[in-house]
Amino acid sequence: MLAVLGLTAVAAVVLELGLPRPDDSGQGPVLELTQIGDPPEFARVLEPRDLQFPADHGPHLEFQTEWWYYIGNLRTSDGRHFGFQLTFFRRGLQPGEPARSSAFAANHIYSAHLAVTDTAGGEHRAWERYSRAAAGLAGARSDPYRVWLDDWIVEALIPSADKIRLYAREEDFELELVLNADKPAVPHGQAGLSQKSPKPGNASYYVSYTRMSAAGRLGLGQAVYQVQGQGWFDHEWGTTALGPEAVGWDWFGLQLDDGQELMVFQIRKRDGTIEPVSGGTLVDVDGAPQRLSASQLLLRPLDTWTSPGSGAVYPSGWQLEIPERGIELTIQPQLADQENRLSLVYWEGAVAVSGTSRGQAVAGEGYAELTGYLLPLVEGDF
């Protein structure tokens, strides 16, 4: 998932309950991502960071926006497939901790999204929660690593935070997993600095565990399933991101069965072109990351899907080529309808992958995130 971009969008809804406004160009409504407070008070992402773990798994309260993002593909012993998403968002009102000693004082707002895809059942469901970081209701810490909102929780099982427990429950859905990192943390962009527009500071610090072994249980309706699979963890933080011409983005986190992983993103502009700072990361079998520029990637939609709930028209299926690496992949949704119809409407779902890598057949799976297809996302020049 893309760093500060999505978090800014969600937090704007959470904190200001922003409504669509008319687009001056006459092209329809947009969702305005208005700023909270005075961003110059917050730190900016201006240079690469020497990432330290587990400290950098925790919150960075000097920056205005942050998220912790877990997704994955799970299967039962007889092959039934499920996808899951649990994302925690933080938005700062003021940097740092509150000056007041009251347990009810809060400088930060948290929200969280939970979703499940039941491929065999043909169903995708999503929920959201909001809370202030006060009275223990929500928060994040690094020692030991823990992020929570009510009883939706991610917490370290070992000091390094390479092994975590994830738990969330809503209505008749319950998820409890242990995720164990199979590869080291991967910094994206320039040593962790992921630029989102040409303007200095419009960036995030972005780090991932691109392959995590997952095992646990999934309850849905009256059934409880023992599941195993692969997870992915993204952590991003920053203060500003989108350029004034951006309307949304397409993001992919893919895990191939030859041991490679791919993170690919493209930021779409109003004129239909792609932001030149788009790109991604190819992670080798041994965990070494290789930065990919937008010019090295060819991403082409294969079809479209129209949401019966929102009316948004999304791409559905893609051809992804990285000629310099000999990679040609076809990406298909596990279900067409994996739209999260929450305060922010976006498509977030499990995908299947097939193709070739250096002439050898590969398969795989992963997740895709598509934003700005219902309402263009607009972030002011701040």
Foldseek 3Di string as FASTA:
>chain_A
DDFPVVLLQVVQCVPVVFDWDADPVNPGTFTESDDAADLVQADFQFDADPDDPPQVVWDDQSFFKKKKKKKWWKAFPVGFIKIKIKMKMKGFNGGDADPDPAQADFGIKMKMKIWMDGLVVQDIAMDMDIDTNGPPQFGFGVQPGKGDHHPFIWTAPDRRSQWIWTWDDDDQKTDIKIWHQPADKDAADPNQWQAQAPDRRQTKRKIKSLWIWMWDWMTHHPDIGTITTTMMIMIITGHHHHDQFFFWKKWWWWAKPVQKIKTFMWTAGPVGDTHFSGWIWIADNNGDIDTGTPVQKDKAADAWDADPVQRFIGGAKIWIDRVVFQWTKIKGFSHRPQWHPDSFIWHKGKIKMWTDTPRHTMITITMMIIHRRRHGYGYDPD
